[in-house]
PDB file of all heavy atoms in Angstrom:
ATOM      1  N   VAL A   1     -92.569 206.810 109.443  1.00  0.00           N
ATOM      2  CA  VAL A   1     -93.246 208.098 109.447  1.00  0.00           C
ATOM      3  C   VAL A   1     -94.708 207.880 109.764  1.00  0.00           C
ATOM      4  O   VAL A   1     -95.270 206.818 109.535  1.00  0.00           O
ATOM      5  CB  VAL A   1     -93.095 208.809 108.082  1.00  0.00           C
ATOM      6  CG1 VAL A   1     -91.643 209.108 107.790  1.00  0.00           C
ATOM      7  CG2 VAL A   1     -93.696 207.975 106.963  1.00  0.00           C
ATOM      8  N   GLY A   2     -95.345 208.923 110.312  1.00  0.00           N
ATOM      9  CA  GLY A   2     -96.758 208.843 110.676  1.00  0.00           C
ATOM     10  C   GLY A   2     -96.941 209.064 112.157  1.00  0.00           C
ATOM     11  O   GLY A   2     -96.137 208.596 112.980  1.00  0.00           O
ATOM     12  N   ASP A   3     -98.020 209.765 112.512  1.00  0.00           N
ATOM     13  CA  ASP A   3     -98.247 210.113 113.911  1.00  0.00           C
ATOM     14  C   ASP A   3     -98.945 209.003 114.682  1.00  0.00           C
ATOM     15  O   ASP A   3     -98.724 208.841 115.878  1.00  0.00           O
ATOM     16  CB  ASP A   3     -99.083 211.404 113.998  1.00  0.00           C
ATOM     17  CG  ASP A   3     -98.368 212.587 113.353  1.00  0.00           C
ATOM     18  OD1 ASP A   3     -97.128 212.612 113.421  1.00  0.00           O
ATOM     19  OD2 ASP A   3     -99.061 213.458 112.786  1.00  0.00           O
ATOM     20  N   THR A   4     -99.797 208.238 114.009  1.00  0.00           N
ATOM     21  CA  THR A   4    -100.549 207.184 114.688  1.00  0.00           C
ATOM     22  C   THR A   4    -100.130 205.830 114.146  1.00  0.00           C
ATOM     23  O   THR A   4     -99.527 205.717 113.079  1.00  0.00           O
ATOM     24  CB  THR A   4    -102.060 207.364 114.486  1.00  0.00           C
ATOM     25  OG1 THR A   4    -102.359 207.224 113.093  1.00  0.00           O
ATOM     26  CG2 THR A   4    -102.508 208.734 114.971  1.00  0.00           C
ATOM     27  N   GLU A   5    -100.491 204.780 114.882  1.00  0.00           N
ATOM     28  CA  GLU A   5    -100.132 203.434 114.454  1.00  0.00           C
ATOM     29  C   GLU A   5    -100.797 203.079 113.130  1.00  0.00           C
ATOM     30  O   GLU A   5    -100.209 202.405 112.293  1.00  0.00           O
ATOM     31  CB  GLU A   5    -100.550 202.431 115.532  1.00  0.00           C
ATOM     32  CG  GLU A   5    -100.137 200.998 115.231  1.00  0.00           C
ATOM     33  CD  GLU A   5    -100.475 200.048 116.357  1.00  0.00           C
ATOM     34  OE1 GLU A   5    -100.846 200.527 117.453  1.00  0.00           O
ATOM     35  OE2 GLU A   5    -100.370 198.828 116.150  1.00  0.00           O
ATOM     36  N   GLU A   6    -102.038 203.577 112.938  1.00  0.00           N
ATOM     37  CA  GLU A   6    -102.754 203.271 111.700  1.00  0.00           C
ATOM     38  C   GLU A   6    -102.134 203.972 110.503  1.00  0.00           C
ATOM     39  O   GLU A   6    -102.149 203.440 109.382  1.00  0.00           O
ATOM     40  CB  GLU A   6    -104.233 203.684 111.827  1.00  0.00           C
ATOM     41  CG  GLU A   6    -105.047 202.844 112.818  1.00  0.00           C
ATOM     42  CD  GLU A   6    -104.765 203.212 114.265  1.00  0.00           C
ATOM     43  OE1 GLU A   6    -104.115 204.269 114.473  1.00  0.00           O
ATOM     44  OE2 GLU A   6    -105.155 202.440 115.164  1.00  0.00           O
ATOM     45  N   SER A   7    -101.576 205.168 110.713  1.00  0.00           N
ATOM     46  CA  SER A   7    -101.036 205.937 109.592  1.00  0.00           C
ATOM     47  C   SER A   7     -99.540 205.722 109.383  1.00  0.00           C
ATOM     48  O   SER A   7     -98.963 206.271 108.451  1.00  0.00           O
ATOM     49  CB  SER A   7    -101.297 207.433 109.809  1.00  0.00           C
ATOM     50  OG  SER A   7    -100.585 207.909 110.944  1.00  0.00           O
ATOM     51  N   GLN A   8     -98.912 204.947 110.240  1.00  0.00           N
ATOM     52  CA  GLN A   8     -97.468 204.772 110.140  1.00  0.00           C
ATOM     53  C   GLN A   8     -97.093 203.995 108.885  1.00  0.00           C
ATOM     54  O   GLN A   8     -97.750 203.036 108.503  1.00  0.00           O
ATOM     55  CB  GLN A   8     -96.923 204.050 111.371  1.00  0.00           C
ATOM     56  CG  GLN A   8     -96.729 204.953 112.574  1.00  0.00           C
ATOM     57  CD  GLN A   8     -96.036 204.262 113.713  1.00  0.00           C
ATOM     58  OE1 GLN A   8     -95.876 203.049 113.714  1.00  0.00           O
ATOM     59  NE2 GLN A   8     -95.601 205.031 114.702  1.00  0.00           N
ATOM     60  N   ARG A   9     -96.020 204.451 108.229  1.00  0.00           N
ATOM     61  CA  ARG A   9     -95.471 203.775 107.064  1.00  0.00           C
ATOM     62  C   ARG A   9     -93.961 203.628 107.239  1.00  0.00           C
ATOM     63  O   ARG A   9     -93.334 204.409 107.955  1.00  0.00           O
ATOM     64  CB  ARG A   9     -95.769 204.559 105.787  1.00  0.00           C
ATOM     65  CG  ARG A   9     -97.233 204.555 105.384  1.00  0.00           C
ATOM     66  CD  ARG A   9     -97.467 205.497 104.232  1.00  0.00           C
ATOM     67  NE  ARG A   9     -97.087 206.863 104.582  1.00  0.00           N
ATOM     68  CZ  ARG A   9     -96.725 207.798 103.709  1.00  0.00           C
ATOM     69  NH1 ARG A   9     -96.649 207.496 102.428  1.00  0.00           N
ATOM     70  NH2 ARG A   9     -96.415 209.019 104.104  1.00  0.00           N
ATOM     71  N   VAL A  10     -93.409 202.630 106.541  1.00  0.00           N
ATOM     72  CA  VAL A  10     -91.970 202.397 106.586  1.00  0.00           C
ATOM     73  C   VAL A  10     -91.396 202.796 105.232  1.00  0.00           C
ATOM     74  O   VAL A  10     -91.805 202.269 104.199  1.00  0.00           O
ATOM     75  CB  VAL A  10     -91.643 200.920 106.889  1.00  0.00           C
ATOM     76  CG1 VAL A  10     -90.134 200.713 106.942  1.00  0.00           C
ATOM     77  CG2 VAL A  10     -92.294 200.480 108.185  1.00  0.00           C
ATOM     78  N   LEU A  11     -90.462 203.751 105.243  1.00  0.00           N
ATOM     79  CA  LEU A  11     -89.827 204.217 104.022  1.00  0.00           C
ATOM     80  C   LEU A  11     -88.376 203.771 103.988  1.00  0.00           C
ATOM     81  O   LEU A  11     -87.654 203.918 104.987  1.00  0.00           O
ATOM     82  CB  LEU A  11     -89.883 205.753 103.925  1.00  0.00           C
ATOM     83  CG  LEU A  11     -91.265 206.417 103.930  1.00  0.00           C
ATOM     84  CD1 LEU A  11     -91.111 207.924 103.775  1.00  0.00           C
ATOM     85  CD2 LEU A  11     -92.135 205.850 102.826  1.00  0.00           C
ATOM     86  N   ARG A  12     -87.973 203.226 102.862  1.00  0.00           N
ATOM     87  CA  ARG A  12     -86.564 202.906 102.644  1.00  0.00           C
ATOM     88  C   ARG A  12     -85.961 204.052 101.834  1.00  0.00           C
ATOM     89  O   ARG A  12     -86.471 204.407 100.770  1.00  0.00           O
ATOM     90  CB  ARG A  12     -86.414 201.584 101.895  1.00  0.00           C
ATOM     91  CG  ARG A  12     -84.957 201.147 101.700  1.00  0.00           C
ATOM     92  CD  ARG A  12     -84.908 199.768 101.089  1.00  0.00           C
ATOM     93  NE  ARG A  12     -85.421 198.776 102.032  1.00  0.00           N
ATOM     94  CZ  ARG A  12     -85.931 197.604 101.674  1.00  0.00           C
ATOM     95  NH1 ARG A  12     -86.002 197.293 100.400  1.00  0.00           N
ATOM     96  NH2 ARG A  12     -86.376 196.751 102.577  1.00  0.00           N
ATOM     97  N   ILE A  13     -84.876 204.646 102.335  1.00  0.00           N
ATOM     98  CA  ILE A  13     -84.322 205.869 101.752  1.00  0.00           C
ATOM     99  C   ILE A  13     -82.851 205.674 101.418  1.00  0.00           C
ATOM    100  O   ILE A  13     -82.074 205.144 102.221  1.00  0.00           O
ATOM    101  CB  ILE A  13     -84.483 207.065 102.719  1.00  0.00           C
ATOM    102  CG1 ILE A  13     -85.951 207.251 103.114  1.00  0.00           C
ATOM    103  CG2 ILE A  13     -83.932 208.339 102.100  1.00  0.00           C
ATOM    104  CD1 ILE A  13     -86.170 208.319 104.145  1.00  0.00           C
ATOM    105  N   LYS A  14     -82.492 206.103 100.215  1.00  0.00           N
ATOM    106  CA  LYS A  14     -81.092 206.207  99.820  1.00  0.00           C
ATOM    107  C   LYS A  14     -80.819 207.648  99.418  1.00  0.00           C
ATOM    108  O   LYS A  14     -81.667 208.294  98.795  1.00  0.00           O
ATOM    109  CB  LYS A  14     -80.775 205.272  98.649  1.00  0.00           C
ATOM    110  CG  LYS A  14     -80.668 203.808  99.028  1.00  0.00           C
ATOM    111  CD  LYS A  14     -80.196 202.971  97.848  1.00  0.00           C
ATOM    112  CE  LYS A  14     -80.036 201.503  98.247  1.00  0.00           C
ATOM    113  NZ  LYS A  14     -79.549 200.686  97.110  1.00  0.00           N
ATOM    114  N   ALA A  15     -79.653 208.152  99.776  1.00  0.00           N
ATOM    115  CA  ALA A  15     -79.323 209.545  99.479  1.00  0.00           C
ATOM    116  C   ALA A  15     -77.969 209.634  98.798  1.00  0.00           C
ATOM    117  O   ALA A  15     -77.088 208.791  99.016  1.00  0.00           O
ATOM    118  CB  ALA A  15     -79.313 210.381 100.762  1.00  0.00           C
ATOM    119  N   ALA A  16     -77.811 210.633  97.952  1.00  0.00           N
ATOM    120  CA  ALA A  16     -76.536 210.885  97.280  1.00  0.00           C
ATOM    121  C   ALA A  16     -76.339 212.386  97.141  1.00  0.00           C
ATOM    122  O   ALA A  16     -77.303 213.140  96.925  1.00  0.00           O
ATOM    123  CB  ALA A  16     -76.505 210.215  95.910  1.00  0.00           C
ATOM    124  N   THR A  17     -75.102 212.829  97.277  1.00  0.00           N
ATOM    125  CA  THR A  17     -74.780 214.251  97.162  1.00  0.00           C
ATOM    126  C   THR A  17     -74.607 214.628  95.696  1.00  0.00           C
ATOM    127  O   THR A  17     -73.982 213.907  94.925  1.00  0.00           O
ATOM    128  CB  THR A  17     -73.497 214.578  97.938  1.00  0.00           C
ATOM    129  OG1 THR A  17     -73.700 214.263  99.323  1.00  0.00           O
ATOM    130  CG2 THR A  17     -73.125 216.051  97.805  1.00  0.00           C
ATOM    131  N   LEU A  18     -75.183 215.782  95.329  1.00  0.00           N
ATOM    132  CA  LEU A  18     -75.014 216.325  93.981  1.00  0.00           C
ATOM    133  C   LEU A  18     -73.852 217.310  93.998  1.00  0.00           C
ATOM    134  O   LEU A  18     -73.760 218.158  94.898  1.00  0.00           O
ATOM    135  CB  LEU A  18     -76.288 217.019  93.525  1.00  0.00           C
ATOM    136  CG  LEU A  18     -77.546 216.141  93.422  1.00  0.00           C
ATOM    137  CD1 LEU A  18     -78.756 216.989  93.091  1.00  0.00           C
ATOM    138  CD2 LEU A  18     -77.344 215.070  92.371  1.00  0.00           C
ATOM    139  N   SER A  19     -72.968 217.198  93.021  1.00  0.00           N
ATOM    140  CA  SER A  19     -71.804 218.093  92.948  1.00  0.00           C
ATOM    141  C   SER A  19     -71.757 218.765  91.581  1.00  0.00           C
ATOM    142  O   SER A  19     -72.278 218.241  90.587  1.00  0.00           O
ATOM    143  CB  SER A  19     -70.506 217.307  93.187  1.00  0.00           C
ATOM    144  OG  SER A  19     -70.550 216.641  94.433  1.00  0.00           O
ATOM    145  N   ASP A  20     -71.099 219.938  91.554  1.00  0.00           N
ATOM    146  CA  ASP A  20     -70.934 220.614  90.277  1.00  0.00           C
ATOM    147  C   ASP A  20     -69.697 220.057  89.575  1.00  0.00           C
ATOM    148  O   ASP A  20     -69.083 219.086  90.037  1.00  0.00           O
ATOM    149  CB  ASP A  20     -70.855 222.124  90.461  1.00  0.00           C
ATOM    150  CG  ASP A  20     -69.667 222.531  91.337  1.00  0.00           C
ATOM    151  OD1 ASP A  20     -68.758 221.699  91.546  1.00  0.00           O
ATOM    152  OD2 ASP A  20     -69.650 223.690  91.819  1.00  0.00           O
ATOM    153  N   THR A  21     -69.348 220.644  88.478  1.00  0.00           N
ATOM    154  CA  THR A  21     -68.206 220.139  87.699  1.00  0.00           C
ATOM    155  C   THR A  21     -66.888 220.276  88.441  1.00  0.00           C
ATOM    156  O   THR A  21     -65.891 219.653  88.070  1.00  0.00           O
ATOM    157  CB  THR A  21     -68.108 220.879  86.360  1.00  0.00           C
ATOM    158  OG1 THR A  21     -68.051 222.293  86.620  1.00  0.00           O
ATOM    159  CG2 THR A  21     -69.300 220.564  85.482  1.00  0.00           C
ATOM    160  N   TYR A  22     -66.895 221.112  89.507  1.00  0.00           N
ATOM    161  CA  TYR A  22     -65.678 221.279  90.321  1.00  0.00           C
ATOM    162  C   TYR A  22     -65.732 220.417  91.582  1.00  0.00           C
ATOM    163  O   TYR A  22     -64.963 220.613  92.513  1.00  0.00           O
ATOM    164  CB  TYR A  22     -65.500 222.745  90.711  1.00  0.00           C
ATOM    165  CG  TYR A  22     -65.348 223.653  89.503  1.00  0.00           C
ATOM    166  CD1 TYR A  22     -66.430 224.403  89.051  1.00  0.00           C
ATOM    167  CD2 TYR A  22     -64.132 223.735  88.807  1.00  0.00           C
ATOM    168  CE1 TYR A  22     -66.310 225.232  87.948  1.00  0.00           C
ATOM    169  CE2 TYR A  22     -64.003 224.551  87.699  1.00  0.00           C
ATOM    170  CZ  TYR A  22     -65.088 225.295  87.261  1.00  0.00           C
ATOM    171  OH  TYR A  22     -64.978 226.099  86.157  1.00  0.00           O
ATOM    172  N   GLN A  23     -66.713 219.448  91.598  1.00  0.00           N
ATOM    173  CA  GLN A  23     -66.881 218.531  92.716  1.00  0.00           C
ATOM    174  C   GLN A  23     -67.251 219.238  94.003  1.00  0.00           C
ATOM    175  O   GLN A  23     -66.926 218.778  95.096  1.00  0.00           O
ATOM    176  CB  GLN A  23     -65.610 217.671  92.928  1.00  0.00           C
ATOM    177  CG  GLN A  23     -65.243 216.826  91.726  1.00  0.00           C
ATOM    178  CD  GLN A  23     -66.366 215.884  91.314  1.00  0.00           C
ATOM    179  OE1 GLN A  23     -66.918 215.192  92.143  1.00  0.00           O
ATOM    180  NE2 GLN A  23     -66.714 215.903  90.025  1.00  0.00           N
ATOM    181  N   ARG A  24     -67.931 220.390  93.847  1.00  0.00           N
ATOM    182  CA  ARG A  24     -68.412 221.099  95.042  1.00  0.00           C
ATOM    183  C   ARG A  24     -69.871 220.725  95.272  1.00  0.00           C
ATOM    184  O   ARG A  24     -70.673 220.737  94.317  1.00  0.00           O
ATOM    185  CB  ARG A  24     -68.266 222.610  94.859  1.00  0.00           C
ATOM    186  CG  ARG A  24     -66.811 223.080  94.881  1.00  0.00           C
ATOM    187  CD  ARG A  24     -66.711 224.546  94.598  1.00  0.00           C
ATOM    188  NE  ARG A  24     -67.155 224.868  93.242  1.00  0.00           N
ATOM    189  CZ  ARG A  24     -66.603 225.802  92.485  1.00  0.00           C
ATOM    190  NH1 ARG A  24     -65.573 226.509  92.929  1.00  0.00           N
ATOM    191  NH2 ARG A  24     -67.076 226.050  91.270  1.00  0.00           N
ATOM    192  N   PRO A  25     -70.259 220.369  96.508  1.00  0.00           N
ATOM    193  CA  PRO A  25     -71.646 219.957  96.784  1.00  0.00           C
ATOM    194  C   PRO A  25     -72.616 221.106  96.557  1.00  0.00           C
ATOM    195  O   PRO A  25     -72.393 222.223  97.021  1.00  0.00           O
ATOM    196  CB  PRO A  25     -71.608 219.521  98.254  1.00  0.00           C
ATOM    197  CG  PRO A  25     -70.424 220.216  98.839  1.00  0.00           C
ATOM    198  CD  PRO A  25     -69.418 220.349  97.741  1.00  0.00           C
ATOM    199  N   ILE A  26     -73.704 220.798  95.843  1.00  0.00           N
ATOM    200  CA  ILE A  26     -74.726 221.823  95.590  1.00  0.00           C
ATOM    201  C   ILE A  26     -76.122 221.332  95.991  1.00  0.00           C
ATOM    202  O   ILE A  26     -77.111 222.041  95.794  1.00  0.00           O
ATOM    203  CB  ILE A  26     -74.736 222.212  94.102  1.00  0.00           C
ATOM    204  CG1 ILE A  26     -74.978 220.971  93.238  1.00  0.00           C
ATOM    205  CG2 ILE A  26     -73.452 222.914  93.712  1.00  0.00           C
ATOM    206  CD1 ILE A  26     -75.155 221.283  91.767  1.00  0.00           C
ATOM    207  N   GLY A  27     -76.205 220.146  96.553  1.00  0.00           N
ATOM    208  CA  GLY A  27     -77.511 219.632  96.969  1.00  0.00           C
ATOM    209  C   GLY A  27     -77.451 218.124  97.146  1.00  0.00           C
ATOM    210  O   GLY A  27     -76.383 217.505  97.128  1.00  0.00           O
ATOM    211  N   ARG A  28     -78.646 217.533  97.328  1.00  0.00           N
ATOM    212  CA  ARG A  28     -78.718 216.085  97.497  1.00  0.00           C
ATOM    213  C   ARG A  28     -79.928 215.552  96.736  1.00  0.00           C
ATOM    214  O   ARG A  28     -80.909 216.262  96.516  1.00  0.00           O
ATOM    215  CB  ARG A  28     -78.833 215.684  98.970  1.00  0.00           C
ATOM    216  CG  ARG A  28     -77.682 216.131  99.853  1.00  0.00           C
ATOM    217  CD  ARG A  28     -77.705 215.388 101.181  1.00  0.00           C
ATOM    218  NE  ARG A  28     -76.952 214.141 101.104  1.00  0.00           N
ATOM    219  CZ  ARG A  28     -76.961 213.211 102.054  1.00  0.00           C
ATOM    220  NH1 ARG A  28     -77.727 213.355 103.113  1.00  0.00           N
ATOM    221  NH2 ARG A  28     -76.255 212.126 101.933  1.00  0.00           N
ATOM    222  N   VAL A  29     -79.844 214.268  96.337  1.00  0.00           N
ATOM    223  CA  VAL A  29     -80.987 213.583  95.732  1.00  0.00           C
ATOM    224  C   VAL A  29     -81.329 212.393  96.627  1.00  0.00           C
ATOM    225  O   VAL A  29     -80.451 211.705  97.134  1.00  0.00           O
ATOM    226  CB  VAL A  29     -80.673 213.119  94.291  1.00  0.00           C
ATOM    227  CG1 VAL A  29     -79.515 212.146  94.260  1.00  0.00           C
ATOM    228  CG2 VAL A  29     -81.907 212.500  93.652  1.00  0.00           C
ATOM    229  N   TYR A  30     -82.637 212.222  96.851  1.00  0.00           N
ATOM    230  CA  TYR A  30     -83.133 211.161  97.728  1.00  0.00           C
ATOM    231  C   TYR A  30     -84.031 210.226  96.921  1.00  0.00           C
ATOM    232  O   TYR A  30     -84.890 210.679  96.155  1.00  0.00           O
ATOM    233  CB  TYR A  30     -83.926 211.734  98.900  1.00  0.00           C
ATOM    234  CG  TYR A  30     -83.111 212.601  99.831  1.00  0.00           C
ATOM    235  CD1 TYR A  30     -82.918 213.956  99.563  1.00  0.00           C
ATOM    236  CD2 TYR A  30     -82.541 212.073 100.978  1.00  0.00           C
ATOM    237  CE1 TYR A  30     -82.163 214.761 100.413  1.00  0.00           C
ATOM    238  CE2 TYR A  30     -81.785 212.866 101.837  1.00  0.00           C
ATOM    239  CZ  TYR A  30     -81.599 214.210 101.544  1.00  0.00           C
ATOM    240  OH  TYR A  30     -80.856 214.992 102.389  1.00  0.00           O
ATOM    241  N   VAL A  31     -83.829 208.922  97.096  1.00  0.00           N
ATOM    242  CA  VAL A  31     -84.701 207.905  96.496  1.00  0.00           C
ATOM    243  C   VAL A  31     -85.539 207.297  97.615  1.00  0.00           C
ATOM    244  O   VAL A  31     -85.001 206.775  98.594  1.00  0.00           O
ATOM    245  CB  VAL A  31     -83.881 206.800  95.789  1.00  0.00           C
ATOM    246  CG1 VAL A  31     -84.807 205.759  95.170  1.00  0.00           C
ATOM    247  CG2 VAL A  31     -82.971 207.409  94.726  1.00  0.00           C
ATOM    248  N   LEU A  32     -86.865 207.407  97.472  1.00  0.00           N
ATOM    249  CA  LEU A  32     -87.788 206.951  98.509  1.00  0.00           C
ATOM    250  C   LEU A  32     -88.561 205.727  98.011  1.00  0.00           C
ATOM    251  O   LEU A  32     -89.063 205.717  96.891  1.00  0.00           O
ATOM    252  CB  LEU A  32     -88.778 208.053  98.882  1.00  0.00           C
ATOM    253  CG  LEU A  32     -88.200 209.454  99.157  1.00  0.00           C
ATOM    254  CD1 LEU A  32     -89.328 210.424  99.459  1.00  0.00           C
ATOM    255  CD2 LEU A  32     -87.210 209.408 100.314  1.00  0.00           C
ATOM    256  N   GLN A  33     -88.674 204.719  98.854  1.00  0.00           N
ATOM    257  CA  GLN A  33     -89.470 203.533  98.536  1.00  0.00           C
ATOM    258  C   GLN A  33     -90.321 203.170  99.737  1.00  0.00           C
ATOM    259  O   GLN A  33     -89.804 202.981 100.844  1.00  0.00           O
ATOM    260  CB  GLN A  33     -88.568 202.347  98.156  1.00  0.00           C
ATOM    261  CG  GLN A  33     -89.329 201.111  97.746  1.00  0.00           C
ATOM    262  CD  GLN A  33     -88.419 199.933  97.453  1.00  0.00           C
ATOM    263  OE1 GLN A  33     -87.252 199.946  97.821  1.00  0.00           O
ATOM    264  NE2 GLN A  33     -88.940 198.900  96.808  1.00  0.00           N
TER     265      GLN A  33
END
């Protein structure tokens, strides 16, 4: 991410789907490093 070479950063991302008690997707959670 970042528009210029000086501002560019590297993010490691993991994602998981959030489900309700009926296993229906209601969103996602992202872990950023």
